[in-house]
Amino acid sequence: MAEHTLKTCPKCGQAKPLTLDHWYPDTRYKAVFRSPCRDCHQAYRAATKERKARVDRAWYDRNRDRKLTYMQRYQAARRDELRAYLRTYYRANRERLREAGRVYYQQNRERVAEANRRWVLQNREAVAAIRHNFRARNSSVPGELTADALLGKLELQGGCCYYCGGELAEWQVEHKIPLALGGTNHPANVCISCRACNVAKGTRPFWEFLTARA
């Protein structure tokens, strides 16, 4: 690339040096540059930005379930790697990301609130896992819950309360041995119960509550 030979852009017809200032590299081949030139490529992207956004949105709407399934599998297979990368990236760009987040929220407050509301309604298990993981971390309690683990509990219990056996229209995550008594936040110490049983059990271990109910 020391020899700045010229290449003619088929779009604008200008002959430009073969450098990265004027051309995008073709990642398929070594020392090969893509056509058209950078200026023409950027002008095309700017002119078709809105059309591309509409096409991308239409494709996502048609393939949403397939895309989400793929992303969930991808993230599950690379969870530790992705977490490490995101932590490193966030630390290196903390102020910029915080400022960008504040600006976006101020400009899209109602849109963000509606998106959050829809996500909460569609991801109840994930919300419960996040809430209990946050509580456990603040109390230095070991263990981590996931949405899949809570769904597994619901299926294992047949959609019924762990304590009374009643069908669950509304459910809550319940630690069989309370965190305050040394219980963990691991899935093995968690069950799904109705609100009435969760409130009645209080801070007692599960065997005391079951004995009192007998």
N, C-alpha and C. Protein backbone atom coordinates (compact mmCIF):
# COMPACT_ATOMS: atom_id res chain seq x y z
N MET A 1 0.82 -1.21 0.00
CA MET A 1 0.00 0.00 0.00
C MET A 1 0.85 1.26 0.00
N ALA A 2 2.21 1.10 -0.04
CA ALA A 2 3.09 2.25 -0.09
C ALA A 2 2.96 2.95 -1.43
N GLU A 3 2.70 2.20 -2.50
CA GLU A 3 2.53 2.76 -3.82
C GLU A 3 1.08 3.22 -3.97
N HIS A 4 0.91 4.53 -4.05
CA HIS A 4 -0.44 5.08 -4.13
C HIS A 4 -0.90 5.08 -5.59
N THR A 5 -1.13 3.90 -6.13
CA THR A 5 -1.69 3.84 -7.47
C THR A 5 -3.13 4.31 -7.42
N LEU A 6 -3.64 4.68 -8.57
CA LEU A 6 -4.98 5.27 -8.64
C LEU A 6 -6.02 4.23 -9.02
N LYS A 7 -7.25 4.50 -8.55
CA LYS A 7 -8.38 3.68 -8.93
C LYS A 7 -9.54 4.61 -9.23
N THR A 8 -10.26 4.31 -10.30
CA THR A 8 -11.37 5.17 -10.71
C THR A 8 -12.68 4.67 -10.12
N CYS A 9 -13.38 5.55 -9.47
CA CYS A 9 -14.68 5.20 -8.88
C CYS A 9 -15.72 5.09 -9.98
N PRO A 10 -16.43 3.97 -10.08
CA PRO A 10 -17.43 3.82 -11.13
C PRO A 10 -18.66 4.71 -10.92
N LYS A 11 -18.78 5.30 -9.72
CA LYS A 11 -19.95 6.11 -9.41
C LYS A 11 -19.73 7.58 -9.79
N CYS A 12 -18.63 8.15 -9.29
CA CYS A 12 -18.37 9.57 -9.54
C CYS A 12 -17.38 9.81 -10.67
N GLY A 13 -16.68 8.74 -11.08
CA GLY A 13 -15.74 8.85 -12.19
C GLY A 13 -14.40 9.46 -11.84
N GLN A 14 -14.16 9.72 -10.55
CA GLN A 14 -12.89 10.33 -10.14
C GLN A 14 -11.85 9.25 -9.86
N ALA A 15 -10.59 9.53 -10.25
CA ALA A 15 -9.47 8.64 -9.96
C ALA A 15 -8.88 9.05 -8.62
N LYS A 16 -8.84 8.11 -7.68
CA LYS A 16 -8.37 8.43 -6.32
C LYS A 16 -7.29 7.44 -5.90
N PRO A 17 -6.35 7.89 -5.03
CA PRO A 17 -5.29 7.00 -4.56
C PRO A 17 -5.87 5.78 -3.83
N LEU A 18 -5.20 4.65 -3.96
CA LEU A 18 -5.65 3.42 -3.29
C LEU A 18 -5.20 3.44 -1.83
N THR A 19 -5.89 4.22 -1.02
CA THR A 19 -5.62 4.30 0.41
C THR A 19 -6.94 4.20 1.16
N LEU A 20 -6.85 3.94 2.46
CA LEU A 20 -8.05 3.82 3.28
C LEU A 20 -8.78 5.15 3.45
N ASP A 21 -8.12 6.26 3.11
CA ASP A 21 -8.79 7.55 3.17
C ASP A 21 -9.85 7.68 2.08
N HIS A 22 -9.68 6.93 1.00
CA HIS A 22 -10.56 7.08 -0.16
C HIS A 22 -11.41 5.84 -0.46
N TRP A 23 -11.03 4.67 0.07
CA TRP A 23 -11.72 3.43 -0.26
C TRP A 23 -11.90 2.57 0.99
N TYR A 24 -12.98 1.77 1.01
CA TYR A 24 -13.17 0.77 2.05
C TYR A 24 -12.47 -0.52 1.63
N PRO A 25 -11.81 -1.22 2.58
CA PRO A 25 -11.17 -2.49 2.22
C PRO A 25 -12.20 -3.58 1.99
N ASP A 26 -11.90 -4.49 1.11
CA ASP A 26 -12.73 -5.67 0.89
C ASP A 26 -12.19 -6.77 1.79
N THR A 27 -12.95 -7.11 2.84
CA THR A 27 -12.47 -8.06 3.84
C THR A 27 -12.31 -9.47 3.31
N ARG A 28 -12.84 -9.73 2.12
CA ARG A 28 -12.71 -11.08 1.55
C ARG A 28 -11.34 -11.33 0.95
N TYR A 29 -10.68 -10.25 0.55
CA TYR A 29 -9.40 -10.39 -0.13
C TYR A 29 -8.38 -9.43 0.47
N LYS A 30 -7.13 -9.85 0.47
CA LYS A 30 -6.05 -9.05 1.01
C LYS A 30 -5.66 -7.97 0.01
N ALA A 31 -5.46 -6.74 0.51
CA ALA A 31 -5.00 -5.61 -0.30
C ALA A 31 -5.94 -5.32 -1.47
N VAL A 32 -7.24 -5.52 -1.27
CA VAL A 32 -8.23 -5.21 -2.31
C VAL A 32 -9.22 -4.20 -1.72
N PHE A 33 -9.61 -3.22 -2.53
CA PHE A 33 -10.53 -2.18 -2.07
C PHE A 33 -11.88 -2.31 -2.77
N ARG A 34 -12.93 -1.97 -2.04
CA ARG A 34 -14.28 -2.06 -2.58
C ARG A 34 -14.64 -0.82 -3.39
N SER A 35 -15.53 -1.00 -4.32
CA SER A 35 -16.11 0.11 -5.07
C SER A 35 -17.58 0.26 -4.64
N PRO A 36 -18.12 1.47 -4.65
CA PRO A 36 -17.50 2.73 -5.06
C PRO A 36 -16.60 3.32 -3.98
N CYS A 37 -16.13 4.53 -4.18
CA CYS A 37 -15.23 5.16 -3.22
C CYS A 37 -15.97 5.49 -1.92
N ARG A 38 -15.21 5.89 -0.92
CA ARG A 38 -15.81 6.21 0.39
C ARG A 38 -16.86 7.32 0.28
N ASP A 39 -16.54 8.37 -0.44
CA ASP A 39 -17.48 9.50 -0.53
C ASP A 39 -18.80 9.07 -1.15
N CYS A 40 -18.73 8.30 -2.23
CA CYS A 40 -19.96 7.85 -2.89
C CYS A 40 -20.72 6.85 -2.02
N HIS A 41 -19.97 5.99 -1.34
CA HIS A 41 -20.61 5.01 -0.48
C HIS A 41 -21.35 5.70 0.67
N GLN A 42 -20.71 6.69 1.29
CA GLN A 42 -21.33 7.40 2.39
C GLN A 42 -22.53 8.22 1.93
N ALA A 43 -22.43 8.81 0.73
CA ALA A 43 -23.55 9.58 0.19
C ALA A 43 -24.75 8.67 -0.08
N TYR A 44 -24.48 7.46 -0.57
CA TYR A 44 -25.56 6.50 -0.84
C TYR A 44 -26.23 6.08 0.47
N ARG A 45 -25.42 5.81 1.49
CA ARG A 45 -25.98 5.40 2.78
C ARG A 45 -26.85 6.50 3.38
N ALA A 46 -26.39 7.75 3.25
CA ALA A 46 -27.18 8.86 3.79
C ALA A 46 -28.49 9.02 3.03
N ALA A 47 -28.45 8.84 1.72
CA ALA A 47 -29.65 9.02 0.90
C ALA A 47 -30.67 7.91 1.10
N THR A 48 -30.20 6.71 1.50
CA THR A 48 -31.10 5.57 1.63
C THR A 48 -31.31 5.15 3.09
N LYS A 49 -30.91 6.02 4.02
CA LYS A 49 -30.98 5.66 5.44
C LYS A 49 -32.39 5.32 5.89
N GLU A 50 -33.36 6.18 5.54
CA GLU A 50 -34.73 5.94 5.98
C GLU A 50 -35.32 4.70 5.31
N ARG A 51 -35.04 4.51 4.02
CA ARG A 51 -35.55 3.32 3.33
C ARG A 51 -34.98 2.04 3.94
N LYS A 52 -33.68 2.08 4.24
CA LYS A 52 -33.05 0.89 4.85
C LYS A 52 -33.65 0.61 6.22
N ALA A 53 -33.94 1.67 6.99
CA ALA A 53 -34.54 1.48 8.31
C ALA A 53 -35.91 0.82 8.17
N ARG A 54 -36.71 1.23 7.17
CA ARG A 54 -38.03 0.62 6.95
C ARG A 54 -37.90 -0.85 6.55
N VAL A 55 -36.94 -1.14 5.68
CA VAL A 55 -36.73 -2.52 5.25
C VAL A 55 -36.29 -3.39 6.42
N ASP A 56 -35.35 -2.86 7.22
CA ASP A 56 -34.86 -3.62 8.38
C ASP A 56 -35.97 -3.87 9.39
N ARG A 57 -36.81 -2.86 9.62
CA ARG A 57 -37.91 -3.02 10.56
C ARG A 57 -38.92 -4.04 10.07
N ALA A 58 -39.23 -4.00 8.76
CA ALA A 58 -40.17 -4.97 8.19
C ALA A 58 -39.62 -6.39 8.30
N TRP A 59 -38.32 -6.53 8.04
CA TRP A 59 -37.71 -7.87 8.16
C TRP A 59 -37.76 -8.35 9.60
N TYR A 60 -37.47 -7.47 10.56
CA TYR A 60 -37.50 -7.86 11.97
C TYR A 60 -38.91 -8.26 12.41
N ASP A 61 -39.91 -7.49 11.96
CA ASP A 61 -41.29 -7.82 12.32
C ASP A 61 -41.69 -9.20 11.80
N ARG A 62 -41.20 -9.55 10.60
CA ARG A 62 -41.54 -10.87 10.02
C ARG A 62 -40.77 -12.00 10.69
N ASN A 63 -39.60 -11.70 11.25
CA ASN A 63 -38.71 -12.76 11.75
C ASN A 63 -38.38 -12.58 13.23
N ARG A 64 -39.24 -11.88 13.97
CA ARG A 64 -38.94 -11.53 15.35
C ARG A 64 -38.68 -12.76 16.21
N ASP A 65 -39.56 -13.75 16.15
CA ASP A 65 -39.40 -14.94 17.00
C ASP A 65 -38.11 -15.69 16.65
N ARG A 66 -37.83 -15.84 15.37
CA ARG A 66 -36.60 -16.53 14.96
C ARG A 66 -35.36 -15.77 15.41
N LYS A 67 -35.39 -14.43 15.28
CA LYS A 67 -34.27 -13.61 15.70
C LYS A 67 -34.05 -13.70 17.20
N LEU A 68 -35.12 -13.62 17.98
CA LEU A 68 -35.00 -13.68 19.44
C LEU A 68 -34.48 -15.04 19.88
N THR A 69 -34.96 -16.11 19.26
CA THR A 69 -34.49 -17.46 19.60
C THR A 69 -33.01 -17.59 19.32
N TYR A 70 -32.57 -17.08 18.18
CA TYR A 70 -31.15 -17.13 17.83
C TYR A 70 -30.31 -16.35 18.84
N MET A 71 -30.76 -15.13 19.21
CA MET A 71 -30.01 -14.31 20.14
C MET A 71 -29.94 -14.95 21.52
N GLN A 72 -31.02 -15.59 21.95
CA GLN A 72 -31.02 -16.26 23.26
C GLN A 72 -30.03 -17.41 23.28
N ARG A 73 -30.00 -18.21 22.19
CA ARG A 73 -29.04 -19.31 22.12
C ARG A 73 -27.61 -18.77 22.08
N TYR A 74 -27.40 -17.73 21.31
CA TYR A 74 -26.06 -17.15 21.17
C TYR A 74 -25.57 -16.61 22.51
N GLN A 75 -26.43 -15.88 23.21
CA GLN A 75 -26.04 -15.29 24.49
C GLN A 75 -25.81 -16.36 25.55
N ALA A 76 -26.64 -17.41 25.55
CA ALA A 76 -26.48 -18.48 26.53
C ALA A 76 -25.16 -19.22 26.32
N ALA A 77 -24.77 -19.41 25.06
CA ALA A 77 -23.53 -20.14 24.76
C ALA A 77 -22.29 -19.31 25.06
N ARG A 78 -22.42 -17.98 25.10
CA ARG A 78 -21.26 -17.10 25.28
C ARG A 78 -21.47 -16.13 26.44
N ARG A 79 -22.23 -16.55 27.45
CA ARG A 79 -22.63 -15.64 28.52
C ARG A 79 -21.43 -15.00 29.22
N ASP A 80 -20.48 -15.80 29.67
CA ASP A 80 -19.33 -15.26 30.40
C ASP A 80 -18.49 -14.35 29.51
N GLU A 81 -18.29 -14.78 28.27
CA GLU A 81 -17.50 -13.98 27.33
C GLU A 81 -18.16 -12.62 27.06
N LEU A 82 -19.48 -12.62 26.86
CA LEU A 82 -20.19 -11.38 26.59
C LEU A 82 -20.21 -10.47 27.80
N ARG A 83 -20.37 -11.03 28.98
CA ARG A 83 -20.37 -10.21 30.20
C ARG A 83 -19.03 -9.54 30.39
N ALA A 84 -17.94 -10.28 30.17
CA ALA A 84 -16.60 -9.71 30.32
C ALA A 84 -16.38 -8.58 29.32
N TYR A 85 -16.81 -8.81 28.08
CA TYR A 85 -16.65 -7.78 27.04
C TYR A 85 -17.46 -6.53 27.38
N LEU A 86 -18.72 -6.71 27.80
CA LEU A 86 -19.57 -5.57 28.10
C LEU A 86 -19.05 -4.78 29.29
N ARG A 87 -18.53 -5.49 30.32
CA ARG A 87 -17.95 -4.78 31.47
C ARG A 87 -16.76 -3.93 31.04
N THR A 88 -15.88 -4.53 30.22
CA THR A 88 -14.69 -3.81 29.76
C THR A 88 -15.09 -2.60 28.91
N TYR A 89 -16.03 -2.81 28.01
CA TYR A 89 -16.47 -1.72 27.13
C TYR A 89 -17.12 -0.60 27.93
N TYR A 90 -17.96 -0.97 28.90
CA TYR A 90 -18.66 0.05 29.69
C TYR A 90 -17.67 0.88 30.50
N ARG A 91 -16.67 0.23 31.11
CA ARG A 91 -15.69 0.97 31.91
C ARG A 91 -14.89 1.93 31.05
N ALA A 92 -14.60 1.52 29.81
CA ALA A 92 -13.80 2.37 28.92
C ALA A 92 -14.62 3.53 28.35
N ASN A 93 -15.96 3.40 28.34
CA ASN A 93 -16.81 4.41 27.71
C ASN A 93 -17.92 4.89 28.64
N ARG A 94 -17.67 4.83 29.94
CA ARG A 94 -18.73 5.07 30.92
C ARG A 94 -19.40 6.43 30.76
N GLU A 95 -18.62 7.49 30.74
CA GLU A 95 -19.21 8.83 30.68
C GLU A 95 -19.96 9.06 29.38
N ARG A 96 -19.38 8.62 28.27
CA ARG A 96 -20.05 8.80 26.98
C ARG A 96 -21.37 8.05 26.93
N LEU A 97 -21.38 6.81 27.43
CA LEU A 97 -22.60 6.02 27.41
C LEU A 97 -23.66 6.59 28.34
N ARG A 98 -23.24 7.07 29.49
CA ARG A 98 -24.20 7.67 30.42
C ARG A 98 -24.83 8.92 29.83
N GLU A 99 -24.02 9.77 29.21
CA GLU A 99 -24.55 10.99 28.62
C GLU A 99 -25.48 10.68 27.45
N ALA A 100 -25.08 9.71 26.61
CA ALA A 100 -25.93 9.31 25.49
C ALA A 100 -27.25 8.75 25.98
N GLY A 101 -27.20 7.98 27.07
CA GLY A 101 -28.42 7.42 27.65
C GLY A 101 -29.34 8.50 28.19
N ARG A 102 -28.75 9.51 28.85
CA ARG A 102 -29.57 10.61 29.39
C ARG A 102 -30.23 11.40 28.26
N VAL A 103 -29.47 11.68 27.22
CA VAL A 103 -30.02 12.44 26.10
C VAL A 103 -31.14 11.66 25.42
N TYR A 104 -30.90 10.36 25.18
CA TYR A 104 -31.92 9.54 24.51
C TYR A 104 -33.19 9.46 25.35
N TYR A 105 -33.03 9.28 26.66
CA TYR A 105 -34.20 9.17 27.53
C TYR A 105 -35.01 10.47 27.53
N GLN A 106 -34.33 11.61 27.59
CA GLN A 106 -35.03 12.89 27.59
C GLN A 106 -35.80 13.11 26.29
N GLN A 107 -35.23 12.63 25.18
CA GLN A 107 -35.87 12.82 23.88
C GLN A 107 -36.94 11.78 23.59
N ASN A 108 -36.93 10.66 24.30
CA ASN A 108 -37.84 9.56 24.00
C ASN A 108 -38.48 9.01 25.28
N ARG A 109 -38.81 9.90 26.21
CA ARG A 109 -39.29 9.46 27.52
C ARG A 109 -40.52 8.55 27.42
N GLU A 110 -41.52 8.96 26.67
CA GLU A 110 -42.75 8.15 26.57
C GLU A 110 -42.50 6.84 25.84
N ARG A 111 -41.68 6.89 24.79
CA ARG A 111 -41.37 5.67 24.04
C ARG A 111 -40.63 4.66 24.92
N VAL A 112 -39.67 5.14 25.72
CA VAL A 112 -38.92 4.26 26.61
C VAL A 112 -39.84 3.65 27.67
N ALA A 113 -40.71 4.47 28.23
CA ALA A 113 -41.64 3.97 29.26
C ALA A 113 -42.55 2.89 28.69
N GLU A 114 -43.05 3.09 27.48
CA GLU A 114 -43.94 2.10 26.85
C GLU A 114 -43.18 0.82 26.53
N ALA A 115 -41.95 0.96 26.02
CA ALA A 115 -41.15 -0.22 25.71
C ALA A 115 -40.83 -1.01 26.98
N ASN A 116 -40.51 -0.31 28.06
CA ASN A 116 -40.24 -0.99 29.33
C ASN A 116 -41.48 -1.71 29.85
N ARG A 117 -42.63 -1.05 29.71
CA ARG A 117 -43.88 -1.66 30.19
C ARG A 117 -44.18 -2.95 29.42
N ARG A 118 -44.00 -2.90 28.08
CA ARG A 118 -44.24 -4.11 27.27
C ARG A 118 -43.27 -5.21 27.63
N TRP A 119 -42.00 -4.83 27.83
CA TRP A 119 -41.00 -5.86 28.16
C TRP A 119 -41.31 -6.53 29.49
N VAL A 120 -41.70 -5.76 30.47
CA VAL A 120 -42.04 -6.31 31.79
C VAL A 120 -43.21 -7.29 31.68
N LEU A 121 -44.24 -6.91 30.91
CA LEU A 121 -45.40 -7.79 30.76
C LEU A 121 -45.05 -9.07 30.02
N GLN A 122 -44.13 -9.00 29.07
CA GLN A 122 -43.78 -10.16 28.26
C GLN A 122 -42.67 -11.01 28.86
N ASN A 123 -42.00 -10.52 29.90
CA ASN A 123 -40.84 -11.21 30.46
C ASN A 123 -40.92 -11.26 31.98
N ARG A 124 -42.05 -11.76 32.47
CA ARG A 124 -42.28 -11.75 33.91
C ARG A 124 -41.23 -12.56 34.66
N GLU A 125 -40.83 -13.71 34.11
CA GLU A 125 -39.85 -14.55 34.78
C GLU A 125 -38.49 -13.85 34.86
N ALA A 126 -38.11 -13.17 33.77
CA ALA A 126 -36.84 -12.45 33.77
C ALA A 126 -36.85 -11.31 34.79
N VAL A 127 -37.98 -10.61 34.88
CA VAL A 127 -38.09 -9.52 35.85
C VAL A 127 -37.95 -10.04 37.28
N ALA A 128 -38.60 -11.16 37.56
CA ALA A 128 -38.50 -11.76 38.90
C ALA A 128 -37.07 -12.19 39.20
N ALA A 129 -36.39 -12.79 38.21
CA ALA A 129 -35.01 -13.22 38.41
C ALA A 129 -34.11 -12.03 38.67
N ILE A 130 -34.27 -10.96 37.89
CA ILE A 130 -33.44 -9.76 38.07
C ILE A 130 -33.64 -9.17 39.46
N ARG A 131 -34.89 -9.08 39.89
CA ARG A 131 -35.19 -8.48 41.19
C ARG A 131 -34.56 -9.29 42.33
N HIS A 132 -34.71 -10.61 42.29
CA HIS A 132 -34.17 -11.43 43.37
C HIS A 132 -32.64 -11.52 43.30
N ASN A 133 -32.07 -11.51 42.11
CA ASN A 133 -30.60 -11.50 42.00
C ASN A 133 -30.03 -10.21 42.58
N PHE A 134 -30.70 -9.10 42.33
CA PHE A 134 -30.25 -7.81 42.87
C PHE A 134 -30.28 -7.83 44.39
N ARG A 135 -31.36 -8.34 44.93
CA ARG A 135 -31.49 -8.42 46.39
C ARG A 135 -30.42 -9.32 46.98
N ALA A 136 -30.16 -10.46 46.33
CA ALA A 136 -29.16 -11.40 46.84
C ALA A 136 -27.76 -10.79 46.79
N ARG A 137 -27.43 -10.11 45.69
CA ARG A 137 -26.10 -9.49 45.60
C ARG A 137 -25.90 -8.44 46.66
N ASN A 138 -26.93 -7.62 46.92
CA ASN A 138 -26.81 -6.58 47.94
C ASN A 138 -26.62 -7.16 49.33
N SER A 139 -27.09 -8.40 49.54
CA SER A 139 -26.95 -9.06 50.85
C SER A 139 -25.79 -10.06 50.86
N SER A 140 -24.99 -10.07 49.77
CA SER A 140 -23.85 -10.99 49.65
C SER A 140 -24.28 -12.44 49.78
N VAL A 141 -25.44 -12.76 49.21
CA VAL A 141 -25.98 -14.12 49.23
C VAL A 141 -25.59 -14.82 47.93
N PRO A 142 -25.02 -16.03 48.02
CA PRO A 142 -24.62 -16.72 46.78
C PRO A 142 -25.82 -17.24 45.99
N GLY A 143 -25.60 -17.44 44.70
CA GLY A 143 -26.65 -18.01 43.85
C GLY A 143 -27.23 -16.99 42.89
N GLU A 144 -27.67 -17.49 41.74
CA GLU A 144 -28.25 -16.61 40.73
C GLU A 144 -29.39 -17.33 40.03
N LEU A 145 -30.49 -16.63 39.87
CA LEU A 145 -31.66 -17.17 39.19
C LEU A 145 -31.69 -16.70 37.73
N THR A 146 -32.34 -17.48 36.89
CA THR A 146 -32.57 -17.10 35.51
C THR A 146 -34.04 -17.29 35.18
N ALA A 147 -34.46 -16.66 34.09
CA ALA A 147 -35.85 -16.83 33.66
C ALA A 147 -36.14 -18.29 33.34
N ASP A 148 -35.17 -18.98 32.71
CA ASP A 148 -35.36 -20.39 32.37
C ASP A 148 -35.53 -21.24 33.62
N ALA A 149 -34.76 -20.92 34.67
CA ALA A 149 -34.87 -21.68 35.91
C ALA A 149 -36.25 -21.53 36.54
N LEU A 150 -36.79 -20.32 36.51
CA LEU A 150 -38.12 -20.09 37.08
C LEU A 150 -39.20 -20.75 36.25
N LEU A 151 -39.04 -20.71 34.92
CA LEU A 151 -40.00 -21.41 34.06
C LEU A 151 -39.96 -22.91 34.32
N GLY A 152 -38.75 -23.44 34.56
CA GLY A 152 -38.62 -24.86 34.89
C GLY A 152 -39.32 -25.21 36.18
N LYS A 153 -39.24 -24.32 37.17
CA LYS A 153 -39.94 -24.55 38.44
C LYS A 153 -41.45 -24.59 38.22
N LEU A 154 -41.94 -23.66 37.43
CA LEU A 154 -43.38 -23.61 37.15
C LEU A 154 -43.85 -24.90 36.46
N GLU A 155 -43.07 -25.36 35.50
CA GLU A 155 -43.43 -26.60 34.79
C GLU A 155 -43.36 -27.79 35.73
N LEU A 156 -42.31 -27.84 36.55
CA LEU A 156 -42.14 -28.96 37.48
C LEU A 156 -43.29 -29.03 38.48
N GLN A 157 -43.79 -27.87 38.89
CA GLN A 157 -44.90 -27.82 39.84
C GLN A 157 -46.26 -27.90 39.16
N GLY A 158 -46.26 -28.07 37.85
CA GLY A 158 -47.51 -28.19 37.12
C GLY A 158 -48.37 -26.94 37.16
N GLY A 159 -47.72 -25.78 37.31
CA GLY A 159 -48.48 -24.53 37.37
C GLY A 159 -49.23 -24.34 38.67
N CYS A 160 -48.84 -25.09 39.71
CA CYS A 160 -49.52 -25.02 41.01
C CYS A 160 -48.58 -24.50 42.10
N CYS A 161 -49.15 -23.97 43.16
CA CYS A 161 -48.38 -23.47 44.29
C CYS A 161 -47.63 -24.62 44.96
N TYR A 162 -46.39 -24.39 45.31
CA TYR A 162 -45.55 -25.41 45.95
C TYR A 162 -46.13 -25.83 47.30
N TYR A 163 -46.80 -24.92 48.01
CA TYR A 163 -47.26 -25.20 49.38
C TYR A 163 -48.71 -25.68 49.44
N CYS A 164 -49.62 -24.97 48.79
CA CYS A 164 -51.03 -25.34 48.93
C CYS A 164 -51.54 -26.17 47.76
N GLY A 165 -50.79 -26.21 46.66
CA GLY A 165 -51.21 -27.00 45.50
C GLY A 165 -52.26 -26.34 44.64
N GLY A 166 -52.62 -25.10 44.99
CA GLY A 166 -53.63 -24.40 44.20
C GLY A 166 -53.07 -23.92 42.87
N GLU A 167 -53.95 -23.82 41.90
CA GLU A 167 -53.52 -23.36 40.57
C GLU A 167 -53.09 -21.90 40.65
N LEU A 168 -51.99 -21.61 39.97
CA LEU A 168 -51.39 -20.28 40.07
C LEU A 168 -51.88 -19.37 38.96
N ALA A 169 -52.74 -18.42 39.31
CA ALA A 169 -53.09 -17.36 38.37
C ALA A 169 -52.03 -16.27 38.47
N GLU A 170 -51.68 -15.90 39.69
CA GLU A 170 -50.58 -14.99 39.98
C GLU A 170 -49.60 -15.74 40.87
N TRP A 171 -48.30 -15.55 40.64
CA TRP A 171 -47.32 -16.31 41.41
C TRP A 171 -46.19 -15.42 41.89
N GLN A 172 -45.47 -15.93 42.90
CA GLN A 172 -44.32 -15.22 43.44
C GLN A 172 -43.18 -16.21 43.64
N VAL A 173 -41.96 -15.69 43.57
CA VAL A 173 -40.76 -16.49 43.84
C VAL A 173 -40.59 -16.58 45.35
N GLU A 174 -40.40 -17.79 45.86
CA GLU A 174 -40.31 -17.99 47.30
C GLU A 174 -39.04 -18.78 47.64
N HIS A 175 -38.25 -18.27 48.58
CA HIS A 175 -37.06 -18.97 49.03
C HIS A 175 -37.47 -19.92 50.17
N LYS A 176 -37.29 -21.21 49.93
CA LYS A 176 -37.73 -22.20 50.92
C LYS A 176 -37.03 -21.99 52.26
N ILE A 177 -35.73 -21.77 52.22
CA ILE A 177 -35.02 -21.32 53.42
C ILE A 177 -34.75 -19.84 53.20
N PRO A 178 -35.35 -18.96 53.99
CA PRO A 178 -35.21 -17.53 53.75
C PRO A 178 -33.75 -17.08 53.72
N LEU A 179 -33.49 -16.05 52.93
CA LEU A 179 -32.13 -15.51 52.86
C LEU A 179 -31.65 -15.05 54.23
N ALA A 180 -32.58 -14.52 55.03
CA ALA A 180 -32.22 -14.02 56.36
C ALA A 180 -31.76 -15.14 57.29
N LEU A 181 -32.13 -16.40 56.96
CA LEU A 181 -31.74 -17.54 57.80
C LEU A 181 -30.60 -18.34 57.16
N GLY A 182 -29.94 -17.76 56.19
CA GLY A 182 -28.80 -18.44 55.58
C GLY A 182 -29.12 -19.16 54.28
N GLY A 183 -30.34 -19.02 53.80
CA GLY A 183 -30.69 -19.65 52.53
C GLY A 183 -29.98 -18.98 51.36
N THR A 184 -29.81 -19.70 50.29
CA THR A 184 -29.13 -19.17 49.10
C THR A 184 -30.14 -18.73 48.05
N ASN A 185 -29.60 -18.11 47.02
CA ASN A 185 -30.43 -17.71 45.89
C ASN A 185 -30.30 -18.68 44.73
N HIS A 186 -29.77 -19.88 45.02
CA HIS A 186 -29.67 -20.91 43.99
C HIS A 186 -31.07 -21.45 43.67
N PRO A 187 -31.29 -21.91 42.45
CA PRO A 187 -32.60 -22.46 42.09
C PRO A 187 -33.07 -23.59 43.01
N ALA A 188 -32.13 -24.36 43.56
CA ALA A 188 -32.52 -25.47 44.44
C ALA A 188 -33.24 -24.98 45.69
N ASN A 189 -33.02 -23.74 46.09
CA ASN A 189 -33.66 -23.20 47.29
C ASN A 189 -34.88 -22.36 46.95
N VAL A 190 -35.33 -22.43 45.72
CA VAL A 190 -36.43 -21.58 45.27
C VAL A 190 -37.61 -22.43 44.83
N CYS A 191 -38.80 -21.96 45.13
CA CYS A 191 -40.02 -22.57 44.61
C CYS A 191 -40.95 -21.45 44.17
N ILE A 192 -42.05 -21.82 43.52
CA ILE A 192 -43.04 -20.84 43.08
C ILE A 192 -44.29 -21.04 43.94
N SER A 193 -44.76 -19.95 44.53
CA SER A 193 -45.92 -20.07 45.42
C SER A 193 -46.94 -18.99 45.09
N CYS A 194 -48.13 -19.17 45.62
CA CYS A 194 -49.13 -18.12 45.52
C CYS A 194 -48.80 -17.02 46.54
N ARG A 195 -49.40 -15.87 46.36
CA ARG A 195 -49.10 -14.75 47.25
C ARG A 195 -49.53 -15.06 48.69
N ALA A 196 -50.67 -15.72 48.85
CA ALA A 196 -51.17 -16.00 50.20
C ALA A 196 -50.20 -16.87 50.98
N CYS A 197 -49.67 -17.92 50.34
CA CYS A 197 -48.72 -18.80 51.03
C CYS A 197 -47.40 -18.08 51.30
N ASN A 198 -46.97 -17.26 50.36
CA ASN A 198 -45.72 -16.54 50.56
C ASN A 198 -45.82 -15.60 51.75
N VAL A 199 -46.94 -14.90 51.85
CA VAL A 199 -47.13 -13.98 52.98
C VAL A 199 -47.27 -14.76 54.29
N ALA A 200 -48.02 -15.87 54.26
CA ALA A 200 -48.25 -16.65 55.48
C ALA A 200 -46.96 -17.30 55.97
N LYS A 201 -46.11 -17.73 55.07
CA LYS A 201 -44.85 -18.39 55.47
C LYS A 201 -43.92 -17.41 56.14
N GLY A 202 -43.88 -16.18 55.62
CA GLY A 202 -43.03 -15.17 56.23
C GLY A 202 -41.56 -15.54 56.16
N THR A 203 -40.87 -15.44 57.31
CA THR A 203 -39.43 -15.72 57.37
C THR A 203 -39.13 -17.10 57.96
N ARG A 204 -40.15 -17.97 58.00
CA ARG A 204 -39.92 -19.33 58.52
C ARG A 204 -39.32 -20.22 57.44
N PRO A 205 -38.51 -21.20 57.81
CA PRO A 205 -38.07 -22.19 56.82
C PRO A 205 -39.26 -23.03 56.38
N PHE A 206 -39.16 -23.62 55.21
CA PHE A 206 -40.32 -24.27 54.60
C PHE A 206 -40.86 -25.42 55.44
N TRP A 207 -39.97 -26.17 56.15
CA TRP A 207 -40.48 -27.32 56.91
C TRP A 207 -41.35 -26.87 58.09
N GLU A 208 -41.02 -25.74 58.71
CA GLU A 208 -41.84 -25.23 59.80
C GLU A 208 -43.21 -24.79 59.27
N PHE A 209 -43.22 -24.15 58.12
CA PHE A 209 -44.48 -23.70 57.54
C PHE A 209 -45.35 -24.90 57.14
N LEU A 210 -44.75 -25.92 56.54
CA LEU A 210 -45.53 -27.10 56.14
C LEU A 210 -46.04 -27.86 57.36
N THR A 211 -45.25 -27.91 58.42
CA THR A 211 -45.68 -28.58 59.66
C THR A 211 -46.85 -27.85 60.28
N ALA A 212 -46.79 -26.52 60.27
CA ALA A 212 -47.87 -25.72 60.86
C ALA A 212 -49.16 -25.86 60.07
N ARG A 213 -49.03 -26.10 58.75
CA ARG A 213 -50.22 -26.25 57.91
C ARG A 213 -50.85 -27.64 58.04
N ALA A 214 -50.07 -28.62 58.48
CA ALA A 214 -50.56 -30.01 58.53
C ALA A 214 -51.68 -30.16 59.55
